[in-house]
Amino acid sequence: MNEIEKNLKSEFARATSGVLQMDLGPESVELSLPREKAHGDYATNIAMKYAKKAGMNPREAASRIVEAFDLEKAGADHIEIAGPGFMNVFMKHDSLQGVIRKVLERKDDYGCSNHGQGKKYNLEYVSANPTGDLHPGHARGAASGDSTARLMKMAGYDVTREYYVNDAGNQINNMAKSLQARYLQACGKDAEMPQDGYYGEDLVIIAGEIFKEIGTKYADTDLQESLPYFRAYGLKAEVAKLRRDLEEFRVSFDVWTSEQDIRDRGLVEKALNQLKAEGYTYEQDGALFLRSTAFGDDKDRVLVKSDGSYTYLMPDIAYHLDKLDRGFDALVNFFGADHHGYVPRLKAAIQALGYPADKLSVDIIQMARMIKDGQEFKLSKRSGKAVALRDLIDEAGVDAVRYFFASRAADTQMDFDLDMAKKQSNENPVYYAQYAHARMCSVLEKGAGITFADQYDLITTDKEMTLLKLMNEFEQVVTDAADSRAPHKMVNFITKLAQAFHSYYNDTRILDPEKMELSAQRLALVEACRITLKNALASIGVSAPDHM
């Protein structure tokens, strides 16, 4: 919470407590930013919220609260009562002007705080099977997860970003068989693709690379004998491609965890034994079940099949236990919408292991429809006709793709309009935001010979006050977006700041040779706006160009 709001809340809480004879703390006070300047700089409904509980008319209570309110202590000029008891606060200019100095002093750190107090979070996202290209669903998950991680780090959380590589399941065997078939085809053999094979162009390319390296070495070898080679080669190549594509998308991970490694280290058996020791497993028809209904799941889940093999759930439980054993305060998974039904059984397993349900949170990422020329791209990973993340980057650029995905709540459906994302005009929201930053840089270049002022008493117009209020809100926006894991809240802020600056730029003579003191103060304001906008864009992984 910024200093201005902290002071306002404290004073409203004190005044209201005295008037209504209640013990109210600052957290009881809700502040909002009125849309119209005529309604003040801040507004609160605290009188309406508590007056009736004290047997008082809300408007009468508001009037008495205003009388008891210490304007000087809160940095306010005056308060007006509106409607049934709203209180609109008009701040002293110097209360808001100080934000310029704060931004200029903190620079790249502006917006950062210790709000999270170093609480350790593990964020796992993307975690796509290494069997083909990343599609738009993965891209949306990557943008959401990475933006959330950036925001949480700004807000003072200790964040570990993790990718779980499913490299031990049947999908990998199908990938290996598909790569083997493509290699044999490259050798001139009439090889058929497996029934559940992967038909993506990437495996054709990898098979060509293998043929260049080893020629026909495995052309006549028994298929089962050579399969481990193709499995290992395909895995390495696919994971490397995932890493390259994600790095290009400005998404990096602190930890890459292998399912095969989880198995090899005996962690599956460890987790299974722990579940048995807790008494939440039972045998039926030769299979071992988790009593997940004890924790709200709609039915118990198989952990070990009758043939002795593990279900997908069991190594996943072991993986989550490993994360918990690493000492994280909380785990957050970003799952695709097709995994929605998987959440209750995973949370049940966490509880069966002795942890509270809220130790694990799962955010659902909805798919995004790709629209181009008014038509939807159909996505089919195995058909080879999927739209890959690389295609999106090539079409629209990293900035537009990340901005568009971050602009909507991840759990809502969205259409991604590629034509709009490519437009170099103010119709394109990312262009509009970046153009605001470029305009700020242009103003600063033109005023390069002027030293920024360190006093801001001439910054008084309504549009300047709007910019100051927005910048003052930035740290709160960061913490709110971080706590709710909602990057779209930051995009909303970016849009407001860009709109406010464009309006200011079009309406104001920022550099005036005949008013050098005013120019120096306005240049400082522009630099503060630039820093804030740059930091806001960086929080969602979008660049802030100097020129456009």
Protein backbone atom coordinates (compact mmCIF):
# COMPACT_ATOMS: atom_id res chain seq x y z
CA MET A 1 0.00 0.00 0.00
CA ASN A 2 1.37 3.43 -0.93
CA GLU A 3 1.93 6.12 1.70
CA ILE A 4 -0.97 8.32 0.58
CA GLU A 5 -3.54 5.54 0.84
CA LYS A 6 -2.02 4.30 4.08
CA ASN A 7 -2.48 7.73 5.65
CA LEU A 8 -6.00 8.12 4.30
CA LYS A 9 -7.10 4.71 5.56
CA SER A 10 -5.58 5.27 8.98
CA GLU A 11 -7.30 8.64 9.39
CA PHE A 12 -10.67 7.42 8.11
CA ALA A 13 -10.45 4.43 10.48
CA ARG A 14 -9.63 6.70 13.43
CA ALA A 15 -12.34 9.24 12.66
CA THR A 16 -15.02 6.62 11.93
CA SER A 17 -14.18 4.62 15.05
CA GLY A 18 -14.69 7.72 17.17
CA VAL A 19 -17.94 8.78 15.53
CA LEU A 20 -19.56 5.34 15.43
CA GLN A 21 -18.03 4.08 18.68
CA MET A 22 -16.49 1.11 16.91
CA ASP A 23 -13.00 -0.35 16.85
CA LEU A 24 -12.15 -0.15 13.15
CA GLY A 25 -8.71 -0.65 11.66
CA PRO A 26 -7.30 0.73 8.39
CA GLU A 27 -8.13 -2.58 6.68
CA SER A 28 -11.83 -1.74 7.15
CA VAL A 29 -11.52 1.27 4.84
CA GLU A 30 -12.08 0.72 1.11
CA LEU A 31 -10.71 3.42 -1.19
CA SER A 32 -11.53 3.82 -4.86
CA LEU A 33 -10.39 6.17 -7.60
CA PRO A 34 -13.32 8.20 -8.96
CA ARG A 35 -13.58 8.25 -12.73
CA GLU A 36 -14.32 11.95 -12.85
CA LYS A 37 -12.04 14.63 -11.38
CA ALA A 38 -15.13 16.44 -10.08
CA HIS A 39 -15.62 13.55 -7.66
CA GLY A 40 -12.22 13.99 -6.07
CA ASP A 41 -9.01 11.98 -5.98
CA TYR A 42 -10.24 9.18 -3.73
CA ALA A 43 -13.63 8.01 -2.48
CA THR A 44 -14.78 5.79 0.37
CA ASN A 45 -18.09 4.21 1.39
CA ILE A 46 -17.09 3.54 5.00
CA ALA A 47 -19.97 5.62 6.42
CA MET A 48 -22.51 3.66 4.37
CA LYS A 49 -20.85 0.40 5.35
CA TYR A 50 -20.94 0.83 9.13
CA ALA A 51 -23.42 3.61 10.05
CA LYS A 52 -26.52 1.42 10.24
CA LYS A 53 -24.74 -1.02 12.57
CA ALA A 54 -24.27 1.94 14.91
CA GLY A 55 -27.91 3.01 14.51
CA MET A 56 -27.03 6.15 12.55
CA ASN A 57 -28.07 7.58 9.18
CA PRO A 58 -25.14 7.06 6.72
CA ARG A 59 -25.14 10.63 5.44
CA GLU A 60 -25.28 12.02 8.96
CA ALA A 61 -22.43 9.68 9.93
CA ALA A 62 -20.42 10.86 6.93
CA SER A 63 -20.91 14.47 7.97
CA ARG A 64 -19.65 13.77 11.49
CA ILE A 65 -16.72 11.71 10.17
CA VAL A 66 -15.68 14.64 7.97
CA GLU A 67 -15.77 16.95 11.01
CA ALA A 68 -13.54 14.54 12.95
CA PHE A 69 -11.18 13.93 10.04
CA ASP A 70 -7.69 15.48 10.29
CA LEU A 71 -7.09 16.84 6.79
CA GLU A 72 -3.52 17.90 7.52
CA LYS A 73 -2.52 14.50 8.84
CA ALA A 74 -3.93 12.77 5.77
CA GLY A 75 -2.55 15.29 3.28
CA ALA A 76 -6.07 16.11 2.07
CA ASP A 77 -7.39 19.50 0.99
CA HIS A 78 -11.09 18.87 1.64
CA ILE A 79 -13.78 16.17 1.64
CA GLU A 80 -17.20 16.36 -0.02
CA ILE A 81 -20.17 14.15 0.84
CA ALA A 82 -22.11 12.72 -2.10
CA GLY A 83 -25.32 10.71 -2.50
CA PRO A 84 -26.34 8.57 0.47
CA GLY A 85 -23.00 8.95 2.24
CA PHE A 86 -20.03 8.60 -0.09
CA MET A 87 -17.05 10.71 0.93
CA ASN A 88 -14.99 12.15 -1.91
CA VAL A 89 -11.49 13.22 -0.92
CA PHE A 90 -9.64 16.02 -2.70
CA MET A 91 -5.92 15.76 -1.99
CA LYS A 92 -3.45 18.59 -1.62
CA HIS A 93 -1.35 18.81 -4.74
CA ASP A 94 1.89 18.36 -2.84
CA SER A 95 0.65 15.04 -1.43
CA LEU A 96 0.52 13.62 -4.94
CA GLN A 97 3.46 15.53 -6.39
CA GLY A 98 5.86 13.65 -4.13
CA VAL A 99 5.33 10.46 -6.13
CA ILE A 100 7.57 11.90 -8.88
CA ARG A 101 10.53 12.04 -6.52
CA LYS A 102 9.81 8.52 -5.28
CA VAL A 103 9.75 7.08 -8.81
CA LEU A 104 12.92 8.90 -9.88
CA GLU A 105 14.75 7.64 -6.81
CA ARG A 106 13.70 3.99 -7.12
CA LYS A 107 13.88 3.69 -10.93
CA ASP A 108 13.77 0.01 -11.96
CA ASP A 109 12.75 -0.96 -8.42
CA TYR A 110 9.67 1.25 -8.44
CA GLY A 111 6.65 -0.95 -7.85
CA CYS A 112 8.66 -3.55 -5.92
CA SER A 113 7.93 -4.22 -2.26
CA ASN A 114 8.45 -6.73 0.53
CA HIS A 115 4.71 -7.44 0.66
CA GLY A 116 5.28 -11.20 0.18
CA GLN A 117 7.88 -11.27 2.98
CA GLY A 118 9.97 -13.85 1.16
CA LYS A 119 7.30 -16.56 1.32
CA LYS A 120 8.50 -19.46 -0.86
CA TYR A 121 6.26 -20.30 -3.80
CA ASN A 122 6.77 -22.97 -6.44
CA LEU A 123 5.05 -22.13 -9.72
CA GLU A 124 4.80 -24.97 -12.23
CA TYR A 125 3.51 -24.11 -15.68
CA VAL A 126 3.61 -25.21 -19.32
CA SER A 127 5.00 -28.72 -18.56
CA ALA A 128 4.01 -29.82 -22.06
CA ASN A 129 4.94 -33.35 -23.09
CA PRO A 130 8.16 -33.32 -25.14
CA THR A 131 6.42 -34.83 -28.15
CA GLY A 132 5.99 -31.88 -30.47
CA ASP A 133 5.67 -28.13 -30.83
CA LEU A 134 4.15 -25.87 -28.19
CA HIS A 135 0.66 -24.81 -29.26
CA PRO A 136 -1.31 -21.66 -28.32
CA GLY A 137 -2.72 -23.33 -25.20
CA HIS A 138 0.83 -23.88 -23.96
CA ALA A 139 1.73 -20.33 -25.02
CA ARG A 140 -1.13 -18.89 -22.97
CA GLY A 141 -0.04 -20.96 -19.97
CA ALA A 142 3.55 -19.81 -20.44
CA ALA A 143 2.54 -16.14 -20.61
CA SER A 144 0.24 -16.45 -17.59
CA GLY A 145 2.72 -18.40 -15.47
CA ASP A 146 5.73 -16.28 -16.31
CA SER A 147 3.88 -12.98 -15.85
CA THR A 148 2.56 -14.20 -12.50
CA ALA A 149 6.09 -15.19 -11.44
CA ARG A 150 7.43 -11.76 -12.43
CA LEU A 151 4.68 -9.97 -10.51
CA MET A 152 5.13 -12.13 -7.42
CA LYS A 153 8.87 -11.52 -7.38
CA MET A 154 8.21 -7.77 -7.62
CA ALA A 155 5.82 -8.11 -4.69
CA GLY A 156 8.47 -9.71 -2.52
CA TYR A 157 7.74 -13.42 -2.86
CA ASP A 158 10.54 -15.98 -3.25
CA VAL A 159 9.45 -17.67 -6.47
CA THR A 160 10.82 -20.82 -8.08
CA ARG A 161 9.65 -21.38 -11.66
CA GLU A 162 9.48 -25.07 -12.55
CA TYR A 163 8.88 -27.21 -15.63
CA TYR A 164 7.90 -30.87 -15.18
CA VAL A 165 9.05 -33.02 -18.08
CA ASN A 166 6.76 -36.03 -18.59
CA ASP A 167 9.50 -38.19 -20.08
CA ALA A 168 8.49 -41.62 -18.75
CA GLY A 169 4.97 -42.24 -20.04
CA ASN A 170 3.40 -43.95 -23.00
CA GLN A 171 3.39 -40.68 -24.97
CA ILE A 172 7.19 -40.83 -25.07
CA ASN A 173 7.11 -44.37 -26.42
CA ASN A 174 4.73 -43.21 -29.14
CA MET A 175 7.02 -40.28 -29.92
CA ALA A 176 10.01 -42.65 -30.13
CA LYS A 177 8.16 -45.04 -32.46
CA SER A 178 7.04 -42.11 -34.61
CA LEU A 179 10.61 -40.80 -34.85
CA GLN A 180 11.85 -44.28 -35.65
CA ALA A 181 9.32 -44.55 -38.50
CA ARG A 182 10.32 -41.14 -39.87
CA TYR A 183 13.97 -42.18 -39.77
CA LEU A 184 13.24 -45.38 -41.65
CA GLN A 185 11.32 -43.36 -44.23
CA ALA A 186 14.36 -41.09 -44.57
CA CYS A 187 16.36 -44.27 -45.24
CA GLY A 188 13.99 -45.13 -48.09
CA LYS A 189 12.06 -47.76 -46.15
CA ASP A 190 8.30 -48.21 -46.38
CA ALA A 191 7.69 -47.68 -42.67
CA GLU A 192 4.22 -47.12 -41.22
CA MET A 193 3.57 -44.61 -38.47
CA PRO A 194 2.31 -46.13 -35.19
CA GLN A 195 -1.41 -46.05 -34.44
CA ASP A 196 -1.06 -43.30 -31.83
CA GLY A 197 1.86 -41.63 -33.51
CA TYR A 198 2.82 -37.98 -33.74
CA TYR A 199 2.66 -36.53 -37.24
CA GLY A 200 4.20 -33.13 -36.62
CA GLU A 201 6.79 -31.73 -38.99
CA ASP A 202 9.27 -31.47 -36.11
CA LEU A 203 9.80 -35.26 -36.03
CA VAL A 204 10.45 -35.29 -39.77
CA ILE A 205 13.15 -32.65 -39.22
CA ILE A 206 14.70 -34.54 -36.29
CA ALA A 207 14.68 -37.78 -38.30
CA GLY A 208 16.53 -35.95 -41.09
CA GLU A 209 19.15 -34.81 -38.58
CA ILE A 210 19.60 -38.39 -37.37
CA PHE A 211 20.00 -39.63 -40.94
CA LYS A 212 22.69 -37.01 -41.56
CA GLU A 213 24.54 -38.14 -38.41
CA ILE A 214 24.35 -41.95 -38.69
CA GLY A 215 23.16 -42.69 -42.22
CA THR A 216 21.44 -46.07 -42.51
CA LYS A 217 22.97 -47.50 -39.31
CA TYR A 218 19.57 -48.58 -37.91
CA ALA A 219 17.80 -49.12 -41.23
CA ASP A 220 17.75 -52.91 -40.87
CA THR A 221 18.04 -53.23 -37.10
CA ASP A 222 15.28 -54.89 -35.05
CA LEU A 223 12.75 -52.21 -34.14
CA GLN A 224 12.73 -52.99 -30.41
CA GLU A 225 16.51 -53.05 -30.31
CA SER A 226 16.92 -49.60 -31.82
CA LEU A 227 13.92 -47.97 -30.10
CA PRO A 228 15.89 -46.79 -27.00
CA TYR A 229 18.20 -44.81 -29.31
CA PHE A 230 15.28 -42.97 -30.92
CA ARG A 231 13.66 -42.45 -27.54
CA ALA A 232 16.78 -40.83 -26.08
CA TYR A 233 17.57 -38.80 -29.21
CA GLY A 234 13.98 -37.61 -29.64
CA LEU A 235 13.66 -36.63 -25.99
CA LYS A 236 16.85 -34.62 -26.03
CA ALA A 237 15.94 -32.87 -29.27
CA GLU A 238 12.34 -32.12 -28.24
CA VAL A 239 13.28 -30.77 -24.81
CA ALA A 240 16.00 -28.61 -26.38
CA LYS A 241 13.42 -27.26 -28.84
CA LEU A 242 11.00 -26.52 -26.00
CA ARG A 243 13.73 -24.60 -24.18
CA ARG A 244 14.64 -22.58 -27.29
CA ASP A 245 11.04 -21.67 -28.07
CA LEU A 246 10.31 -20.68 -24.48
CA GLU A 247 13.50 -18.62 -24.18
CA GLU A 248 12.52 -16.78 -27.36
CA PHE A 249 9.14 -16.18 -25.72
CA ARG A 250 11.05 -14.67 -22.72
CA VAL A 251 10.03 -17.58 -20.49
CA SER A 252 12.73 -19.27 -18.46
CA PHE A 253 12.65 -21.79 -15.62
CA ASP A 254 14.74 -22.18 -12.51
CA VAL A 255 14.18 -25.94 -12.35
CA TRP A 256 13.50 -28.63 -14.97
CA THR A 257 12.31 -31.82 -13.25
CA SER A 258 12.23 -35.16 -15.05
CA GLU A 259 9.53 -37.74 -14.35
CA GLN A 260 12.05 -40.44 -15.18
CA ASP A 261 14.39 -39.02 -12.56
CA ILE A 262 11.56 -39.06 -10.00
CA ARG A 263 11.11 -42.75 -10.77
CA ASP A 264 14.83 -43.55 -10.82
CA ARG A 265 15.37 -41.97 -7.39
CA GLY A 266 12.75 -44.22 -5.82
CA LEU A 267 10.49 -41.29 -5.00
CA VAL A 268 7.39 -43.05 -6.33
CA GLU A 269 7.87 -45.91 -3.88
CA LYS A 270 8.57 -43.41 -1.10
CA ALA A 271 5.29 -41.57 -1.74
CA LEU A 272 3.35 -44.80 -2.06
CA ASN A 273 4.70 -46.10 1.24
CA GLN A 274 3.79 -42.81 2.91
CA LEU A 275 0.22 -43.03 1.63
CA LYS A 276 -0.01 -46.60 2.89
CA ALA A 277 1.37 -45.57 6.29
CA GLU A 278 -1.24 -42.82 6.54
CA GLY A 279 -3.94 -45.43 5.95
CA TYR A 280 -5.39 -43.96 2.77
CA THR A 281 -4.86 -46.91 0.41
CA TYR A 282 -6.67 -50.22 -0.07
CA GLU A 283 -6.59 -53.15 -2.50
CA GLN A 284 -9.45 -54.20 -4.70
CA ASP A 285 -9.52 -56.56 -7.69
CA GLY A 286 -5.74 -56.78 -7.61
CA ALA A 287 -5.29 -52.98 -7.88
CA LEU A 288 -4.25 -50.45 -5.23
CA PHE A 289 -6.57 -47.49 -4.68
CA LEU A 290 -6.18 -44.08 -3.03
CA ARG A 291 -9.11 -43.33 -0.73
CA SER A 292 -9.51 -39.89 -2.31
CA THR A 293 -13.24 -39.71 -1.50
CA ALA A 294 -12.16 -39.05 2.10
CA PHE A 295 -11.11 -35.60 0.84
CA GLY A 296 -14.03 -34.74 -1.40
CA ASP A 297 -13.14 -36.52 -4.67
CA ASP A 298 -16.11 -38.10 -6.44
CA LYS A 299 -14.51 -41.56 -6.44
CA ASP A 300 -11.40 -43.35 -5.22
CA ARG A 301 -8.47 -43.41 -7.65
CA VAL A 302 -6.26 -46.26 -8.82
CA LEU A 303 -2.59 -45.83 -7.96
CA VAL A 304 -1.23 -49.23 -9.01
CA LYS A 305 -3.01 -51.25 -11.69
CA SER A 306 -3.61 -54.98 -11.40
CA ASP A 307 -0.64 -55.63 -13.67
CA GLY A 308 1.63 -53.85 -11.19
CA SER A 309 2.21 -50.72 -13.27
CA TYR A 310 1.59 -47.21 -11.96
CA THR A 311 -1.21 -44.99 -13.16
CA TYR A 312 -0.35 -41.46 -14.26
CA LEU A 313 -1.46 -40.18 -10.86
CA MET A 314 1.09 -42.08 -8.75
CA PRO A 315 4.34 -40.55 -10.10
CA ASP A 316 2.57 -37.19 -10.12
CA ILE A 317 1.88 -37.56 -6.40
CA ALA A 318 5.55 -38.44 -5.88
CA TYR A 319 6.57 -35.33 -7.81
CA HIS A 320 4.40 -33.09 -5.64
CA LEU A 321 5.72 -34.72 -2.48
CA ASP A 322 9.24 -33.99 -3.73
CA LYS A 323 8.30 -30.33 -4.19
CA LEU A 324 6.86 -30.20 -0.69
CA ASP A 325 9.97 -31.87 0.71
CA ARG A 326 12.01 -29.06 -0.84
CA GLY A 327 10.46 -26.68 1.68
CA PHE A 328 8.06 -24.52 -0.31
CA ASP A 329 5.37 -22.68 1.61
CA ALA A 330 2.92 -23.09 -1.26
CA LEU A 331 2.65 -24.84 -4.63
CA VAL A 332 0.83 -23.39 -7.62
CA ASN A 333 0.13 -25.39 -10.77
CA PHE A 334 -1.12 -23.88 -14.02
CA PHE A 335 -3.21 -26.56 -15.75
CA GLY A 336 -4.94 -26.59 -19.11
CA ALA A 337 -8.73 -26.71 -19.08
CA ASP A 338 -8.64 -30.40 -20.07
CA HIS A 339 -7.05 -31.15 -16.65
CA HIS A 340 -9.86 -29.53 -14.66
CA GLY A 341 -11.17 -32.89 -13.43
CA TYR A 342 -7.70 -33.91 -12.31
CA VAL A 343 -7.50 -31.22 -9.62
CA PRO A 344 -9.68 -32.87 -6.90
CA ARG A 345 -7.68 -36.12 -6.93
CA LEU A 346 -4.36 -34.27 -6.76
CA LYS A 347 -5.53 -32.10 -3.87
CA ALA A 348 -6.88 -35.23 -2.16
CA ALA A 349 -3.44 -36.84 -2.46
CA ILE A 350 -1.80 -33.77 -0.92
CA GLN A 351 -4.11 -34.07 2.07
CA ALA A 352 -3.59 -37.83 2.33
CA LEU A 353 0.13 -37.08 2.64
CA GLY A 354 -0.62 -34.92 5.66
CA TYR A 355 -0.69 -31.43 4.14
CA PRO A 356 -3.60 -28.94 4.18
CA ALA A 357 -5.62 -28.65 0.98
CA ASP A 358 -4.58 -25.02 0.45
CA LYS A 359 -0.92 -26.04 0.27
CA LEU A 360 -1.61 -26.63 -3.43
CA SER A 361 -3.46 -24.17 -5.67
CA VAL A 362 -4.36 -24.89 -9.28
CA ASP A 363 -5.08 -22.15 -11.82
CA ILE A 364 -6.93 -23.30 -14.92
CA ILE A 365 -5.78 -21.95 -18.28
CA GLN A 366 -8.46 -21.95 -20.95
CA MET A 367 -7.62 -22.53 -24.59
CA ALA A 368 -7.47 -19.57 -26.95
CA ARG A 369 -8.97 -19.62 -30.42
CA MET A 370 -6.59 -18.38 -33.09
CA ILE A 371 -8.37 -16.07 -35.53
CA LYS A 372 -6.90 -14.89 -38.84
CA ASP A 373 -8.78 -13.29 -41.72
CA GLY A 374 -11.92 -13.85 -39.70
CA GLN A 375 -11.41 -17.61 -39.62
CA GLU A 376 -10.40 -19.90 -36.77
CA PHE A 377 -7.26 -21.98 -36.95
CA LYS A 378 -8.06 -25.55 -35.91
CA LEU A 379 -5.55 -27.04 -33.51
CA SER A 380 -4.51 -30.68 -33.75
CA LYS A 381 -1.11 -31.56 -32.38
CA ARG A 382 -0.93 -35.00 -33.98
CA SER A 383 -2.20 -33.96 -37.40
CA GLY A 384 0.84 -31.81 -38.04
CA LYS A 385 -1.44 -28.85 -38.70
CA ALA A 386 -1.22 -27.25 -35.29
CA VAL A 387 -0.41 -23.57 -34.91
CA ALA A 388 2.90 -23.60 -33.06
CA LEU A 389 4.18 -20.97 -30.63
CA ARG A 390 6.96 -20.22 -33.13
CA ASP A 391 4.31 -19.49 -35.77
CA LEU A 392 2.61 -16.99 -33.45
CA ILE A 393 5.92 -15.29 -32.70
CA ASP A 394 6.76 -15.10 -36.40
CA GLU A 395 3.32 -13.71 -37.21
CA ALA A 396 2.82 -11.15 -34.46
CA GLY A 397 6.04 -10.90 -32.41
CA VAL A 398 6.75 -11.81 -28.80
CA ASP A 399 5.40 -8.54 -27.37
CA ALA A 400 1.99 -8.78 -28.99
CA VAL A 401 1.54 -12.48 -28.18
CA ARG A 402 2.48 -12.02 -24.53
CA TYR A 403 0.42 -8.84 -24.13
CA PHE A 404 -2.70 -10.35 -25.70
CA PHE A 405 -2.50 -13.50 -23.59
CA ALA A 406 -1.91 -11.48 -20.40
CA SER A 407 -4.80 -9.14 -21.16
CA ARG A 408 -7.54 -11.61 -20.25
CA ALA A 409 -8.13 -13.65 -17.09
CA ALA A 410 -6.53 -17.01 -17.81
CA ASP A 411 -9.61 -18.99 -16.81
CA THR A 412 -11.80 -17.27 -19.44
CA GLN A 413 -12.18 -18.17 -23.10
CA MET A 414 -10.56 -15.78 -25.54
CA ASP A 415 -10.11 -15.19 -29.24
CA PHE A 416 -6.61 -14.21 -30.33
CA ASP A 417 -6.97 -11.96 -33.38
CA LEU A 418 -3.68 -12.27 -35.26
CA ASP A 419 -4.65 -9.49 -37.65
CA MET A 420 -5.19 -7.09 -34.76
CA ALA A 421 -1.98 -8.20 -33.04
CA LYS A 422 0.01 -7.28 -36.18
CA LYS A 423 -1.51 -3.82 -36.67
CA GLN A 424 0.85 -0.88 -36.30
CA SER A 425 -1.86 1.48 -35.08
CA ASN A 426 -3.58 2.62 -31.91
CA GLU A 427 -6.27 -0.02 -32.51
CA ASN A 428 -3.70 -2.56 -31.34
CA PRO A 429 -3.55 -2.32 -27.52
CA VAL A 430 0.10 -3.36 -27.22
CA TYR A 431 1.13 -0.90 -29.92
CA TYR A 432 -0.86 1.81 -28.12
CA ALA A 433 0.93 1.09 -24.82
CA GLN A 434 4.40 0.86 -26.35
CA TYR A 435 3.81 4.00 -28.39
CA ALA A 436 3.13 5.86 -25.14
CA HIS A 437 6.58 4.81 -23.90
CA ALA A 438 8.19 5.83 -27.20
CA ARG A 439 6.47 9.23 -26.96
CA MET A 440 7.83 9.69 -23.46
CA CYS A 441 11.32 8.91 -24.74
CA SER A 442 10.88 11.38 -27.60
CA VAL A 443 9.93 14.17 -25.18
CA LEU A 444 12.92 13.35 -22.98
CA GLU A 445 15.26 13.39 -25.98
CA LYS A 446 13.99 16.81 -27.02
CA GLY A 447 14.52 18.10 -23.48
CA ALA A 448 17.92 16.45 -23.09
CA GLY A 449 19.61 19.72 -22.13
CA ILE A 450 17.21 20.43 -19.28
CA THR A 451 17.92 19.11 -15.79
CA PHE A 452 14.98 17.43 -14.06
CA ALA A 453 13.48 19.60 -11.34
CA ASP A 454 13.48 18.36 -7.75
CA GLN A 455 10.43 20.39 -6.74
CA TYR A 456 7.05 19.85 -8.41
CA ASP A 457 4.75 22.61 -7.20
CA LEU A 458 3.85 23.60 -10.78
CA ILE A 459 2.46 20.14 -11.61
CA THR A 460 -1.18 21.01 -10.96
CA THR A 461 -3.41 20.40 -14.01
CA ASP A 462 -6.17 17.78 -13.89
CA LYS A 463 -4.35 15.57 -16.39
CA GLU A 464 -1.14 15.81 -14.42
CA MET A 465 -3.03 14.85 -11.27
CA THR A 466 -4.44 11.83 -13.09
CA LEU A 467 -0.93 10.69 -14.04
CA LEU A 468 0.30 11.18 -10.47
CA LYS A 469 -2.59 9.16 -9.03
CA LEU A 470 -1.98 6.33 -11.47
CA MET A 471 1.73 6.19 -10.71
CA ASN A 472 0.94 6.29 -7.02
CA GLU A 473 -1.29 3.22 -7.48
CA PHE A 474 1.37 1.14 -9.23
CA GLU A 475 2.80 -0.69 -6.22
CA GLN A 476 -0.70 -1.63 -5.07
CA VAL A 477 -1.55 -2.90 -8.56
CA VAL A 478 1.58 -5.09 -8.48
CA THR A 479 0.70 -6.63 -5.13
CA ASP A 480 -2.96 -7.10 -6.07
CA ALA A 481 -2.09 -8.75 -9.40
CA ALA A 482 0.51 -10.92 -7.66
CA ASP A 483 -1.74 -12.05 -4.81
CA SER A 484 -4.64 -12.87 -7.12
CA ARG A 485 -2.33 -14.31 -9.80
CA ALA A 486 -4.10 -12.10 -12.32
CA PRO A 487 -1.70 -10.44 -14.82
CA HIS A 488 -4.67 -8.94 -16.65
CA LYS A 489 -4.98 -6.45 -13.79
CA MET A 490 -1.55 -5.11 -14.75
CA VAL A 491 -2.61 -4.88 -18.39
CA ASN A 492 -5.62 -2.81 -17.29
CA PHE A 493 -3.24 -0.49 -15.44
CA ILE A 494 -0.94 -0.20 -18.46
CA THR A 495 -3.89 0.74 -20.64
CA LYS A 496 -5.01 3.45 -18.20
CA LEU A 497 -1.52 4.91 -17.88
CA ALA A 498 -0.99 4.91 -21.65
CA GLN A 499 -4.38 6.57 -22.22
CA ALA A 500 -3.66 9.19 -19.58
CA PHE A 501 -0.26 10.02 -21.05
CA HIS A 502 -1.47 10.20 -24.66
CA SER A 503 -4.22 12.57 -23.51
CA TYR A 504 -1.69 14.67 -21.55
CA TYR A 505 0.75 14.74 -24.48
CA ASN A 506 -1.92 15.87 -26.95
CA ASP A 507 -3.26 18.56 -24.62
CA THR A 508 -0.11 19.96 -22.98
CA ARG A 509 2.94 21.91 -24.06
CA ILE A 510 5.47 19.94 -22.04
CA LEU A 511 8.56 21.83 -23.23
CA ASP A 512 8.21 25.61 -23.24
CA PRO A 513 11.41 27.67 -23.73
CA GLU A 514 9.71 30.63 -22.06
CA LYS A 515 8.81 28.58 -18.95
CA MET A 516 11.94 26.63 -18.14
CA GLU A 517 11.05 25.87 -14.53
CA LEU A 518 7.71 24.42 -15.58
CA SER A 519 9.43 22.47 -18.39
CA ALA A 520 11.95 21.00 -15.94
CA GLN A 521 9.14 19.85 -13.66
CA ARG A 522 7.13 18.41 -16.51
CA LEU A 523 10.18 16.57 -17.83
CA ALA A 524 10.58 14.98 -14.41
CA LEU A 525 6.92 13.96 -14.56
CA VAL A 526 7.43 12.40 -18.01
CA GLU A 527 10.50 10.48 -16.81
CA ALA A 528 8.54 9.19 -13.82
CA CYS A 529 5.76 8.09 -16.17
CA ARG A 530 8.30 6.39 -18.44
CA ILE A 531 9.86 4.45 -15.56
CA THR A 532 6.45 3.35 -14.31
CA LEU A 533 5.25 2.25 -17.74
CA LYS A 534 8.50 0.42 -18.49
CA ASN A 535 8.33 -1.44 -15.17
CA ALA A 536 4.67 -2.28 -15.76
CA LEU A 537 5.40 -3.69 -19.22
CA ALA A 538 8.38 -5.65 -17.87
CA SER A 539 6.12 -7.24 -15.25
CA ILE A 540 4.26 -9.06 -18.05
CA GLY A 541 7.35 -9.71 -20.17
CA VAL A 542 6.74 -7.00 -22.78
CA SER A 543 9.45 -4.65 -24.02
CA ALA A 544 9.32 -0.85 -23.81
CA PRO A 545 10.79 0.50 -27.09
CA ASP A 546 12.41 3.93 -27.18
CA HIS A 547 11.37 4.56 -30.79
CA MET A 548 8.53 3.33 -32.98
